[in-house]
């Protein structure tokens, strides 16, 4: 009988130990959802939808995407907060008009989505890891196949606009006029 009580007591102690360890781990390392919720609360972020800044005009506009992500993407704050500011303008004369996007961010790589509207249809292209520090042209359009991002220099007028209006730009992407940026954020690590 005594042996049974010892085994029961040992089982109880062991069970309490596991429960305490589980509670300690839960308090020590919050879940990814909890981390994201705390980060969003700390930074006043309700979603990653873009917001138009006050600096917008007919000729150019700035949009800001911000959110919290866990695990923390490369370049995001310690708590997972990141933001991407995108300056946009159209350049050129029809039919050679292009959209120019100047990205400013601490994210090392970006994930972005573009919509392409031509001939009444709409196609979405997703790029999962676009590294910073480049000037890229979207090219190789063929039907609805996803175009390539190719490194190329900018014409003087565009380079002048980027350096004057967005001197801190980390990445510049040029698309045709029918292709618009719909979402951007830090690429997951």
Foldseek 3Di string as FASTA:
>chain_A
DVVVVVVVVVVVVVVVVVVVVVVVVCVVDPDFVVLQVVVCVVVVNDAQFWDWDPPDDPFKTKIKGKGAGPPAAPQAPPSRIWMKIWMWGWDDDPPQIKIKIFIAIRFQFKWWKKWFADPRDIAIDIDQGDGWQFEWEFDDDDPRDGTDTHGDDDDPVVVVCCCVVPVRGGYMYMYGPRMGTRGMDHHHD
